[in-house]
């Protein structure tokens, strides 16, 4: 696994994994309530590591805006995943995380920048790390 990469092996793709996260996972909100993370921890998993997904509802805005939010969330996670990945690797567990916007949408936030998203994602990742 590359330090700053985000390969296809690190992404949640199957319906079974999404169902597992949404049915048995916990929900955390960022400090400003703009973003949320739904996560599921598999203790003593044969495949240790983190798998992530980035989901944005159609009600949030037009496709261009939704895709921008997903790109910003993905970039924020990719640049700051080192700490949580090392901790998960040491404890030999599997973690599934789905990041998504909570109260933020196109109507109340037309232009969104990486410097606004990155602290929120870091906050969510710190909260997840304390639950490990």
Protein backbone atom coordinates (compact mmCIF):
# COMPACT_ATOMS: atom_id res chain seq x y z
CA UNK A 1 0.00 0.00 0.00
CA UNK A 2 1.41 3.35 -1.04
CA UNK A 3 1.76 6.01 1.59
CA UNK A 4 -0.33 8.61 -0.24
CA UNK A 5 -2.18 6.42 -2.72
CA UNK A 6 -5.74 5.19 -2.66
CA UNK A 7 -5.86 1.96 -4.63
CA UNK A 8 -8.95 0.00 -5.60
CA UNK A 9 -8.15 -2.56 -2.87
CA UNK A 10 -8.67 0.20 -0.31
CA UNK A 11 -12.19 1.04 -1.49
CA UNK A 12 -15.56 -0.39 -0.53
CA UNK A 13 -17.16 -1.63 -3.72
CA UNK A 14 -19.46 -4.55 -3.00
CA UNK A 15 -23.05 -4.27 -1.86
CA UNK A 16 -22.33 -6.71 0.99
CA UNK A 17 -19.66 -4.41 2.44
CA UNK A 18 -21.95 -1.36 2.17
CA UNK A 19 -24.77 -3.32 3.85
CA UNK A 20 -22.40 -4.37 6.63
CA UNK A 21 -21.31 -0.79 7.30
CA UNK A 22 -24.79 0.70 7.21
CA UNK A 23 -26.49 -2.05 9.23
CA UNK A 24 -23.91 -2.74 11.96
CA UNK A 25 -21.77 0.39 11.84
CA UNK A 26 -21.55 3.41 14.10
CA UNK A 27 -22.18 7.00 12.98
CA UNK A 28 -19.87 9.86 13.92
CA UNK A 29 -20.33 13.53 13.09
CA UNK A 30 -17.60 16.13 12.66
CA UNK A 31 -17.41 18.90 15.24
CA UNK A 32 -19.28 21.36 13.03
CA UNK A 33 -21.85 18.70 11.96
CA UNK A 34 -21.03 19.31 8.27
CA UNK A 35 -19.76 15.78 7.55
CA UNK A 36 -20.40 12.32 8.92
CA UNK A 37 -18.65 8.98 8.87
CA UNK A 38 -20.30 5.59 9.21
CA UNK A 39 -17.74 2.98 10.24
CA UNK A 40 -17.57 -0.69 11.15
CA UNK A 41 -14.65 -2.41 12.91
CA UNK A 42 -13.93 -6.11 12.37
CA UNK A 43 -11.86 -7.38 15.28
CA UNK A 44 -9.37 -10.22 14.56
CA UNK A 45 -9.95 -10.03 10.82
CA UNK A 46 -7.99 -12.17 8.36
CA UNK A 47 -7.68 -9.13 6.09
CA UNK A 48 -6.37 -6.25 8.14
CA UNK A 49 -6.60 -2.78 6.69
CA UNK A 50 -8.97 0.04 5.95
CA UNK A 51 -11.54 0.23 3.18
CA UNK A 52 -13.28 3.51 2.46
CA UNK A 53 -16.09 4.92 0.36
CA UNK A 54 -17.36 8.42 -0.26
CA UNK A 55 -21.12 8.81 -0.70
CA UNK A 56 -23.09 11.94 -1.55
CA UNK A 57 -26.88 11.98 -1.86
CA UNK A 58 -28.57 13.30 -4.98
CA UNK A 59 -30.51 15.72 -2.80
CA UNK A 60 -27.25 17.52 -1.98
CA UNK A 61 -26.90 19.20 -5.35
CA UNK A 62 -26.13 18.80 -9.03
CA UNK A 63 -23.68 16.17 -10.26
CA UNK A 64 -20.78 18.61 -10.64
CA UNK A 65 -21.10 19.72 -7.01
CA UNK A 66 -21.50 16.14 -5.72
CA UNK A 67 -18.43 14.98 -7.62
CA UNK A 68 -16.41 17.89 -6.26
CA UNK A 69 -17.37 16.99 -2.68
CA UNK A 70 -16.36 13.36 -3.30
CA UNK A 71 -13.01 14.46 -4.75
CA UNK A 72 -12.34 16.74 -1.78
CA UNK A 73 -13.29 14.05 0.74
CA UNK A 74 -11.12 11.49 -1.06
CA UNK A 75 -8.13 13.85 -1.18
CA UNK A 76 -8.50 14.80 2.49
CA UNK A 77 -8.58 11.15 3.51
CA UNK A 78 -5.72 10.17 1.19
CA UNK A 79 -3.36 12.83 2.57
CA UNK A 80 -4.09 12.02 6.22
CA UNK A 81 -4.61 8.25 6.33
CA UNK A 82 -1.10 7.37 7.55
CA UNK A 83 -1.80 7.47 11.31
CA UNK A 84 -5.00 5.45 11.24
CA UNK A 85 -3.58 2.88 8.78
CA UNK A 86 -0.55 2.17 10.96
CA UNK A 87 -2.73 1.74 14.05
CA UNK A 88 -5.12 -0.64 12.26
CA UNK A 89 -2.19 -2.66 10.90
CA UNK A 90 -0.70 -3.11 14.35
CA UNK A 91 -3.98 -4.26 15.89
CA UNK A 92 -4.77 -6.68 13.00
CA UNK A 93 -8.32 -5.52 12.36
CA UNK A 94 -10.44 -4.53 9.39
CA UNK A 95 -12.13 -1.15 9.28
CA UNK A 96 -14.78 -0.02 6.80
CA UNK A 97 -15.54 3.72 6.61
CA UNK A 98 -18.09 5.65 4.51
CA UNK A 99 -17.62 9.43 4.50
CA UNK A 100 -20.51 11.67 3.44
CA UNK A 101 -21.78 15.22 3.90
CA UNK A 102 -24.35 15.73 6.64
CA UNK A 103 -25.67 19.31 6.69
CA UNK A 104 -23.67 20.71 3.81
CA UNK A 105 -25.31 20.99 0.39
CA UNK A 106 -25.13 23.07 -2.75
CA UNK A 107 -27.71 25.62 -1.60
CA UNK A 108 -25.90 26.65 1.58
CA UNK A 109 -22.36 26.16 0.28
CA UNK A 110 -21.92 26.94 -3.41
CA UNK A 111 -18.13 26.98 -3.47
CA UNK A 112 -16.31 24.57 -1.17
CA UNK A 113 -12.54 24.31 -0.82
CA UNK A 114 -10.13 21.66 0.40
CA UNK A 115 -9.07 23.81 3.36
CA UNK A 116 -12.68 23.67 4.62
CA UNK A 117 -13.05 19.90 4.18
CA UNK A 118 -9.67 18.66 5.45
CA UNK A 119 -10.06 19.67 9.15
CA UNK A 120 -13.49 18.02 9.24
CA UNK A 121 -12.17 14.74 7.81
CA UNK A 122 -9.21 14.84 10.23
CA UNK A 123 -11.63 15.32 13.10
CA UNK A 124 -13.67 12.31 11.98
CA UNK A 125 -10.55 10.16 11.57
CA UNK A 126 -9.34 11.12 15.06
CA UNK A 127 -12.72 10.13 16.52
CA UNK A 128 -12.56 6.78 14.70
CA UNK A 129 -9.01 6.23 15.93
CA UNK A 130 -10.11 6.66 19.54
CA UNK A 131 -12.76 3.95 19.01
CA UNK A 132 -10.14 1.44 17.85
